[in-house]
C-alpha cells in the first residue's frame, strides 16, 4: 500500500504569474471603459453644442418672422416708433427691429406683445473673454427704439465668431446685405425673408457655419 501524498500548494512563481495576468486583464478592461466614457462625454458635448446653436438660431428666426412696422401713432404727441434696421456695435451685423414677440412675465404689468429686439455678437459681458451671441430687448416700444435705454441684455449662445444677415428684396428679386425702413432705399417696407448665417466654434474648436431663413409674415406697413 503506497503512502498518501501531501497536496502541493501554488508556488511563488505561479502566484506572481497569475497576479500579473489579473493586473493585465484589469488594465485592459479599465482602458476600454475609460475610452467608452470619453467617447460618451464627447458625443454629449457635441450634442449639447448643436442644441445650443439650433435653439439660438430658431429663436432668432422665430422672432424676426414676427417683425413689423406701423404708421399707427399719435401725430401730435408721438411716443412710439417702429423700425427694422441693421447697424450698431458688435462683431458682424447688428439687427434691431420691432416685433410682436414679447411675453409679459408679470400679470397686469404695463407691457404688451410689442417689443424691440436686437441681435448681435460681442464680447461676453460675464468676462469669459469669448465672443457671444447677445439678445437685447425692450419691454415696451418707445420713441427711441434703437437706443440702449431701458433695455435688457441676455446671452443666447457662447463662443460665436460672426453673425450675418441678408435680406430678400422682393421688388428687385435679389438679396441685400443691409436694410433700413427709415432709409431712402427701403422706406416703410420689410424684407419678405431674412437669411441668418452664424459662424461658431464646435466642441473641438473647429470653425463651423449654420444658415437658416426667416420669412416675415407682416412685411407691409400696418396702417389702421
C-alpha atoms as a PDB file:
ATOM      1  CA  UNK A   1       0.000   0.000   0.000  1.00  0.00           C
ATOM      2  CA  UNK A   2       1.545   3.308  -1.092  1.00  0.00           C
ATOM      3  CA  UNK A   3       1.823   6.285   1.252  1.00  0.00           C
ATOM      4  CA  UNK A   4      -0.597   9.198   0.501  1.00  0.00           C
ATOM      5  CA  UNK A   5       0.881  12.373  -0.962  1.00  0.00           C
ATOM      6  CA  UNK A   6       0.584  15.703   0.792  1.00  0.00           C
ATOM      7  CA  UNK A   7      -1.315  18.198  -1.526  1.00  0.00           C
ATOM      8  CA  UNK A   8       1.114  20.684  -3.010  1.00  0.00           C
ATOM      9  CA  UNK A   9       0.137  24.449  -2.955  1.00  0.00           C
ATOM     10  CA  UNK A  10       0.899  27.101  -5.541  1.00  0.00           C
ATOM     11  CA  UNK A  11       4.468  28.163  -5.932  1.00  0.00           C
ATOM     12  CA  UNK A  12       5.528  31.771  -5.587  1.00  0.00           C
ATOM     13  CA  UNK A  13       6.183  31.893  -9.345  1.00  0.00           C
ATOM     14  CA  UNK A  14       2.664  30.674 -10.176  1.00  0.00           C
ATOM     15  CA  UNK A  15       1.102  33.266  -7.860  1.00  0.00           C
ATOM     16  CA  UNK A  16       3.175  36.049  -9.432  1.00  0.00           C
ATOM     17  CA  UNK A  17       2.187  34.956 -12.963  1.00  0.00           C
ATOM     18  CA  UNK A  18      -1.494  34.803 -12.007  1.00  0.00           C
ATOM     19  CA  UNK A  19      -1.320  38.247 -10.362  1.00  0.00           C
ATOM     20  CA  UNK A  20       0.353  39.687 -13.463  1.00  0.00           C
ATOM     21  CA  UNK A  21      -2.329  38.215 -15.715  1.00  0.00           C
ATOM     22  CA  UNK A  22      -5.101  39.591 -13.492  1.00  0.00           C
ATOM     23  CA  UNK A  23      -3.446  43.005 -13.490  1.00  0.00           C
ATOM     24  CA  UNK A  24      -3.128  42.959 -17.283  1.00  0.00           C
ATOM     25  CA  UNK A  25      -6.784  41.982 -17.720  1.00  0.00           C
ATOM     26  CA  UNK A  26      -7.867  44.698 -15.286  1.00  0.00           C
ATOM     27  CA  UNK A  27      -5.780  47.276 -17.127  1.00  0.00           C
ATOM     28  CA  UNK A  28      -7.309  46.312 -20.474  1.00  0.00           C
ATOM     29  CA  UNK A  29     -10.820  46.438 -19.041  1.00  0.00           C
ATOM     30  CA  UNK A  30     -10.205  49.858 -17.459  1.00  0.00           C
ATOM     31  CA  UNK A  31      -8.743  51.196 -20.706  1.00  0.00           C
ATOM     32  CA  UNK A  32     -11.821  50.035 -22.649  1.00  0.00           C
ATOM     33  CA  UNK A  33     -14.157  51.513 -20.021  1.00  0.00           C
ATOM     34  CA  UNK A  34     -12.248  54.809 -19.986  1.00  0.00           C
ATOM     35  CA  UNK A  35     -12.353  55.096 -23.789  1.00  0.00           C
ATOM     36  CA  UNK A  36     -16.071  54.377 -23.790  1.00  0.00           C
ATOM     37  CA  UNK A  37     -16.639  57.028 -21.124  1.00  0.00           C
ATOM     38  CA  UNK A  38     -14.554  59.591 -23.047  1.00  0.00           C
ATOM     39  CA  UNK A  39     -16.492  58.853 -26.244  1.00  0.00           C
ATOM     40  CA  UNK A  40     -19.777  59.258 -24.382  1.00  0.00           C
ATOM     41  CA  UNK A  41     -18.665  62.628 -22.969  1.00  0.00           C
ATOM     42  CA  UNK A  42     -17.509  63.854 -26.415  1.00  0.00           C
ATOM     43  CA  UNK A  43     -20.804  62.827 -28.012  1.00  0.00           C
ATOM     44  CA  UNK A  44     -22.784  64.541 -25.250  1.00  0.00           C
ATOM     45  CA  UNK A  45     -20.663  67.700 -25.576  1.00  0.00           C
ATOM     46  CA  UNK A  46     -21.194  67.754 -29.342  1.00  0.00           C
ATOM     47  CA  UNK A  47     -24.936  67.184 -28.913  1.00  0.00           C
ATOM     48  CA  UNK A  48     -25.211  69.932 -26.284  1.00  0.00           C
ATOM     49  CA  UNK A  49     -23.302  72.348 -28.516  1.00  0.00           C
ATOM     50  CA  UNK A  50     -25.511  71.630 -31.531  1.00  0.00           C
ATOM     51  CA  UNK A  51     -28.625  72.043 -29.358  1.00  0.00           C
ATOM     52  CA  UNK A  52     -27.343  75.399 -28.052  1.00  0.00           C
ATOM     53  CA  UNK A  53     -26.711  76.662 -31.596  1.00  0.00           C
ATOM     54  CA  UNK A  54     -30.021  75.433 -33.006  1.00  0.00           C
ATOM     55  CA  UNK A  55     -32.048  76.884 -30.134  1.00  0.00           C
ATOM     56  CA  UNK A  56     -30.390  80.274 -30.709  1.00  0.00           C
ATOM     57  CA  UNK A  57     -30.948  80.106 -34.489  1.00  0.00           C
ATOM     58  CA  UNK A  58     -34.572  79.027 -34.091  1.00  0.00           C
ATOM     59  CA  UNK A  59     -35.272  81.834 -31.644  1.00  0.00           C
ATOM     60  CA  UNK A  60     -33.770  84.446 -33.954  1.00  0.00           C
ATOM     61  CA  UNK A  61     -35.724  83.096 -36.923  1.00  0.00           C
ATOM     62  CA  UNK A  62     -38.980  82.981 -34.983  1.00  0.00           C
ATOM     63  CA  UNK A  63     -38.720  86.492 -33.571  1.00  0.00           C
ATOM     64  CA  UNK A  64     -37.572  88.013 -36.868  1.00  0.00           C
ATOM     65  CA  UNK A  65     -40.608  86.444 -38.549  1.00  0.00           C
ATOM     66  CA  UNK A  66     -42.791  88.453 -36.109  1.00  0.00           C
ATOM     67  CA  UNK A  67     -41.221  91.792 -37.140  1.00  0.00           C
ATOM     68  CA  UNK A  68     -43.496  94.653 -38.107  1.00  0.00           C
ATOM     69  CA  UNK A  69     -43.566  98.389 -38.775  1.00  0.00           C
ATOM     70  CA  UNK A  70     -46.581 100.580 -38.145  1.00  0.00           C
ATOM     71  CA  UNK A  71     -47.815 104.048 -39.049  1.00  0.00           C
ATOM     72  CA  UNK A  72     -50.339 103.959 -36.243  1.00  0.00           C
ATOM     73  CA  UNK A  73     -49.328 106.602 -33.683  1.00  0.00           C
ATOM     74  CA  UNK A  74     -50.471 109.941 -32.327  1.00  0.00           C
ATOM     75  CA  UNK A  75     -49.301 112.612 -34.776  1.00  0.00           C
ATOM     76  CA  UNK A  76     -49.401 115.410 -32.208  1.00  0.00           C
ATOM     77  CA  UNK A  77     -47.527 113.522 -29.476  1.00  0.00           C
ATOM     78  CA  UNK A  78     -45.531 110.666 -30.946  1.00  0.00           C
ATOM     79  CA  UNK A  79     -44.408 108.258 -28.213  1.00  0.00           C
ATOM     80  CA  UNK A  80     -43.679 105.144 -30.253  1.00  0.00           C
ATOM     81  CA  UNK A  81     -41.554 104.353 -33.282  1.00  0.00           C
ATOM     82  CA  UNK A  82     -41.151 101.038 -35.078  1.00  0.00           C
ATOM     83  CA  UNK A  83     -38.039 100.129 -37.050  1.00  0.00           C
ATOM     84  CA  UNK A  84     -36.221  97.364 -38.882  1.00  0.00           C
ATOM     85  CA  UNK A  85     -32.627  98.437 -39.173  1.00  0.00           C
ATOM     86  CA  UNK A  86     -29.164  96.981 -39.472  1.00  0.00           C
ATOM     87  CA  UNK A  87     -26.358  98.845 -37.748  1.00  0.00           C
ATOM     88  CA  UNK A  88     -24.791  99.257 -34.345  1.00  0.00           C
ATOM     89  CA  UNK A  89     -21.985  97.964 -32.186  1.00  0.00           C
ATOM     90  CA  UNK A  90     -20.625  94.441 -32.107  1.00  0.00           C
ATOM     91  CA  UNK A  91     -18.899  91.938 -34.376  1.00  0.00           C
ATOM     92  CA  UNK A  92     -20.543  91.292 -37.735  1.00  0.00           C
ATOM     93  CA  UNK A  93     -24.075  92.533 -38.335  1.00  0.00           C
ATOM     94  CA  UNK A  94     -26.310  94.141 -35.710  1.00  0.00           C
ATOM     95  CA  UNK A  95     -30.049  93.928 -36.394  1.00  0.00           C
ATOM     96  CA  UNK A  96     -32.667  95.909 -34.450  1.00  0.00           C
ATOM     97  CA  UNK A  97     -36.375  95.501 -35.166  1.00  0.00           C
ATOM     98  CA  UNK A  98     -39.846  95.909 -33.711  1.00  0.00           C
ATOM     99  CA  UNK A  99     -41.780  92.676 -33.280  1.00  0.00           C
ATOM    100  CA  UNK A 100     -44.882  91.054 -31.854  1.00  0.00           C
ATOM    101  CA  UNK A 101     -42.657  88.777 -29.787  1.00  0.00           C
ATOM    102  CA  UNK A 102     -42.802  89.890 -26.151  1.00  0.00           C
ATOM    103  CA  UNK A 103     -44.329  87.746 -23.407  1.00  0.00           C
ATOM    104  CA  UNK A 104     -45.015  89.679 -20.186  1.00  0.00           C
ATOM    105  CA  UNK A 105     -43.999  87.584 -17.179  1.00  0.00           C
ATOM    106  CA  UNK A 106     -45.999  89.523 -14.578  1.00  0.00           C
ATOM    107  CA  UNK A 107     -49.773  89.909 -14.563  1.00  0.00           C
ATOM    108  CA  UNK A 108     -51.293  93.386 -15.029  1.00  0.00           C
ATOM    109  CA  UNK A 109     -47.941  94.939 -15.922  1.00  0.00           C
ATOM    110  CA  UNK A 110     -47.740  97.863 -18.370  1.00  0.00           C
ATOM    111  CA  UNK A 111     -46.444  95.713 -21.237  1.00  0.00           C
ATOM    112  CA  UNK A 112     -47.854  94.137 -24.392  1.00  0.00           C
ATOM    113  CA  UNK A 113     -46.719  91.690 -27.048  1.00  0.00           C
ATOM    114  CA  UNK A 114     -44.876  94.513 -28.835  1.00  0.00           C
ATOM    115  CA  UNK A 115     -41.151  94.854 -28.234  1.00  0.00           C
ATOM    116  CA  UNK A 116     -37.883  95.998 -29.797  1.00  0.00           C
ATOM    117  CA  UNK A 117     -35.197  93.322 -30.204  1.00  0.00           C
ATOM    118  CA  UNK A 118     -31.537  93.489 -31.200  1.00  0.00           C
ATOM    119  CA  UNK A 119     -29.302  90.579 -32.171  1.00  0.00           C
ATOM    120  CA  UNK A 120     -25.535  90.975 -32.346  1.00  0.00           C
ATOM    121  CA  UNK A 121     -22.201  89.366 -31.408  1.00  0.00           C
ATOM    122  CA  UNK A 122     -19.941  90.995 -28.853  1.00  0.00           C
ATOM    123  CA  UNK A 123     -17.527  90.200 -26.036  1.00  0.00           C
ATOM    124  CA  UNK A 124     -19.062  88.169 -23.226  1.00  0.00           C
ATOM    125  CA  UNK A 125     -20.398  90.624 -20.593  1.00  0.00           C
ATOM    126  CA  UNK A 126     -19.719  87.971 -17.932  1.00  0.00           C
ATOM    127  CA  UNK A 127     -15.981  88.254 -18.572  1.00  0.00           C
ATOM    128  CA  UNK A 128     -15.141  84.902 -20.189  1.00  0.00           C
ATOM    129  CA  UNK A 129     -13.128  86.704 -22.889  1.00  0.00           C
ATOM    130  CA  UNK A 130     -15.053  84.926 -25.673  1.00  0.00           C
ATOM    131  CA  UNK A 131     -17.482  86.359 -28.192  1.00  0.00           C
ATOM    132  CA  UNK A 132     -21.120  85.508 -27.581  1.00  0.00           C
ATOM    133  CA  UNK A 133     -24.463  85.986 -29.307  1.00  0.00           C
ATOM    134  CA  UNK A 134     -26.456  88.625 -27.428  1.00  0.00           C
ATOM    135  CA  UNK A 135     -30.159  89.408 -27.453  1.00  0.00           C
ATOM    136  CA  UNK A 136     -31.156  92.883 -26.265  1.00  0.00           C
ATOM    137  CA  UNK A 137     -34.794  93.864 -25.905  1.00  0.00           C
ATOM    138  CA  UNK A 138     -37.138  96.498 -24.568  1.00  0.00           C
ATOM    139  CA  UNK A 139     -40.231  95.531 -22.625  1.00  0.00           C
ATOM    140  CA  UNK A 140     -42.238  98.205 -24.430  1.00  0.00           C
ATOM    141  CA  UNK A 141     -41.885 100.273 -27.606  1.00  0.00           C
ATOM    142  CA  UNK A 142     -40.893 103.913 -27.158  1.00  0.00           C
ATOM    143  CA  UNK A 143     -39.847 106.831 -29.342  1.00  0.00           C
ATOM    144  CA  UNK A 144     -36.172 105.728 -29.390  1.00  0.00           C
ATOM    145  CA  UNK A 145     -36.151 102.041 -30.286  1.00  0.00           C
ATOM    146  CA  UNK A 146     -32.520 101.959 -31.405  1.00  0.00           C
ATOM    147  CA  UNK A 147     -31.044 103.229 -28.111  1.00  0.00           C
ATOM    148  CA  UNK A 148     -29.872 101.102 -25.166  1.00  0.00           C
ATOM    149  CA  UNK A 149     -32.037 102.936 -22.645  1.00  0.00           C
ATOM    150  CA  UNK A 150     -34.392 100.667 -20.654  1.00  0.00           C
ATOM    151  CA  UNK A 151     -33.084  97.518 -22.326  1.00  0.00           C
ATOM    152  CA  UNK A 152     -32.358  94.022 -21.023  1.00  0.00           C
ATOM    153  CA  UNK A 153     -29.435  92.045 -22.475  1.00  0.00           C
ATOM    154  CA  UNK A 154     -29.071  88.270 -22.319  1.00  0.00           C
ATOM    155  CA  UNK A 155     -26.621  85.735 -23.750  1.00  0.00           C
ATOM    156  CA  UNK A 156     -28.126  83.244 -26.191  1.00  0.00           C
ATOM    157  CA  UNK A 157     -25.044  81.359 -27.362  1.00  0.00           C
ATOM    158  CA  UNK A 158     -21.364  81.202 -26.395  1.00  0.00           C
ATOM    159  CA  UNK A 159     -18.192  81.144 -28.492  1.00  0.00           C
ATOM    160  CA  UNK A 160     -19.695  82.728 -31.625  1.00  0.00           C
ATOM    161  CA  UNK A 161     -17.331  84.100 -34.277  1.00  0.00           C
ATOM    162  CA  UNK A 162     -19.641  86.041 -36.587  1.00  0.00           C
ATOM    163  CA  UNK A 163     -23.270  86.851 -37.355  1.00  0.00           C
ATOM    164  CA  UNK A 164     -24.526  87.940 -40.782  1.00  0.00           C
ATOM    165  CA  UNK A 165     -27.974  88.952 -42.020  1.00  0.00           C
ATOM    166  CA  UNK A 166     -29.082  89.127 -45.658  1.00  0.00           C
ATOM    167  CA  UNK A 167     -32.464  90.479 -46.751  1.00  0.00           C
ATOM    168  CA  UNK A 168     -34.622  89.432 -49.684  1.00  0.00           C
ATOM    169  CA  UNK A 169     -35.822  92.422 -51.686  1.00  0.00           C
ATOM    170  CA  UNK A 170     -38.958  91.238 -53.447  1.00  0.00           C
ATOM    171  CA  UNK A 171     -39.071  94.341 -55.648  1.00  0.00           C
ATOM    172  CA  UNK A 172     -35.661  93.649 -57.219  1.00  0.00           C
ATOM    173  CA  UNK A 173     -35.599  89.870 -56.760  1.00  0.00           C
ATOM    174  CA  UNK A 174     -32.222  89.841 -55.049  1.00  0.00           C
ATOM    175  CA  UNK A 175     -30.570  89.625 -51.646  1.00  0.00           C
ATOM    176  CA  UNK A 176     -29.387  92.819 -49.941  1.00  0.00           C
ATOM    177  CA  UNK A 177     -26.711  92.982 -47.260  1.00  0.00           C
ATOM    178  CA  UNK A 178     -28.367  95.926 -45.430  1.00  0.00           C
ATOM    179  CA  UNK A 179     -31.894  97.148 -44.664  1.00  0.00           C
ATOM    180  CA  UNK A 180     -33.365 100.250 -43.079  1.00  0.00           C
ATOM    181  CA  UNK A 181     -37.091 101.007 -43.049  1.00  0.00           C
ATOM    182  CA  UNK A 182     -36.239 104.651 -42.392  1.00  0.00           C
ATOM    183  CA  UNK A 183     -33.716 104.869 -45.224  1.00  0.00           C
ATOM    184  CA  UNK A 184     -34.185 106.012 -48.808  1.00  0.00           C
ATOM    185  CA  UNK A 185     -33.754 102.570 -50.426  1.00  0.00           C
ATOM    186  CA  UNK A 186     -36.361 100.555 -48.484  1.00  0.00           C
ATOM    187  CA  UNK A 187     -38.678 103.018 -46.711  1.00  0.00           C
ATOM    188  CA  UNK A 188     -41.632 101.641 -44.731  1.00  0.00           C
ATOM    189  CA  UNK A 189     -41.367  98.088 -46.029  1.00  0.00           C
ATOM    190  CA  UNK A 190     -39.824  94.937 -44.631  1.00  0.00           C
ATOM    191  CA  UNK A 191     -37.925  92.237 -46.490  1.00  0.00           C
ATOM    192  CA  UNK A 192     -40.004  89.153 -47.172  1.00  0.00           C
ATOM    193  CA  UNK A 193     -37.217  86.888 -45.939  1.00  0.00           C
ATOM    194  CA  UNK A 194     -34.108  87.204 -43.819  1.00  0.00           C
ATOM    195  CA  UNK A 195     -31.160  84.845 -44.189  1.00  0.00           C
ATOM    196  CA  UNK A 196     -29.248  84.272 -40.936  1.00  0.00           C
ATOM    197  CA  UNK A 197     -25.669  82.987 -41.043  1.00  0.00           C
ATOM    198  CA  UNK A 198     -23.899  82.303 -37.764  1.00  0.00           C
ATOM    199  CA  UNK A 199     -20.263  81.199 -37.506  1.00  0.00           C
ATOM    200  CA  UNK A 200     -19.241  79.415 -34.332  1.00  0.00           C
ATOM    201  CA  UNK A 201     -16.657  77.048 -32.910  1.00  0.00           C
ATOM    202  CA  UNK A 202     -17.747  73.496 -32.237  1.00  0.00           C
ATOM    203  CA  UNK A 203     -16.750  71.405 -29.221  1.00  0.00           C
ATOM    204  CA  UNK A 204     -13.338  70.755 -30.839  1.00  0.00           C
ATOM    205  CA  UNK A 205     -12.677  74.410 -31.664  1.00  0.00           C
ATOM    206  CA  UNK A 206     -13.388  73.953 -35.386  1.00  0.00           C
ATOM    207  CA  UNK A 207     -14.980  76.898 -37.211  1.00  0.00           C
ATOM    208  CA  UNK A 208     -18.494  75.967 -38.399  1.00  0.00           C
ATOM    209  CA  UNK A 209     -21.345  77.833 -40.136  1.00  0.00           C
ATOM    210  CA  UNK A 210     -25.072  77.367 -39.780  1.00  0.00           C
ATOM    211  CA  UNK A 211     -27.578  79.047 -42.113  1.00  0.00           C
ATOM    212  CA  UNK A 212     -31.344  79.425 -41.876  1.00  0.00           C
ATOM    213  CA  UNK A 213     -34.055  81.704 -43.247  1.00  0.00           C
ATOM    214  CA  UNK A 214     -36.916  83.532 -41.550  1.00  0.00           C
ATOM    215  CA  UNK A 215     -39.983  84.538 -43.593  1.00  0.00           C
ATOM    216  CA  UNK A 216     -41.518  87.783 -42.346  1.00  0.00           C
ATOM    217  CA  UNK A 217     -45.279  87.478 -42.049  1.00  0.00           C
ATOM    218  CA  UNK A 218     -46.236  91.176 -41.820  1.00  0.00           C
ATOM    219  CA  UNK A 219     -43.845  92.597 -44.378  1.00  0.00           C
ATOM    220  CA  UNK A 220     -46.094  95.523 -45.340  1.00  0.00           C
ATOM    221  CA  UNK A 221     -46.572  98.617 -43.171  1.00  0.00           C
ATOM    222  CA  UNK A 222     -49.516  98.397 -40.770  1.00  0.00           C
ATOM    223  CA  UNK A 223     -51.949 101.237 -41.442  1.00  0.00           C
ATOM    224  CA  UNK A 224     -55.032 101.245 -39.248  1.00  0.00           C
END
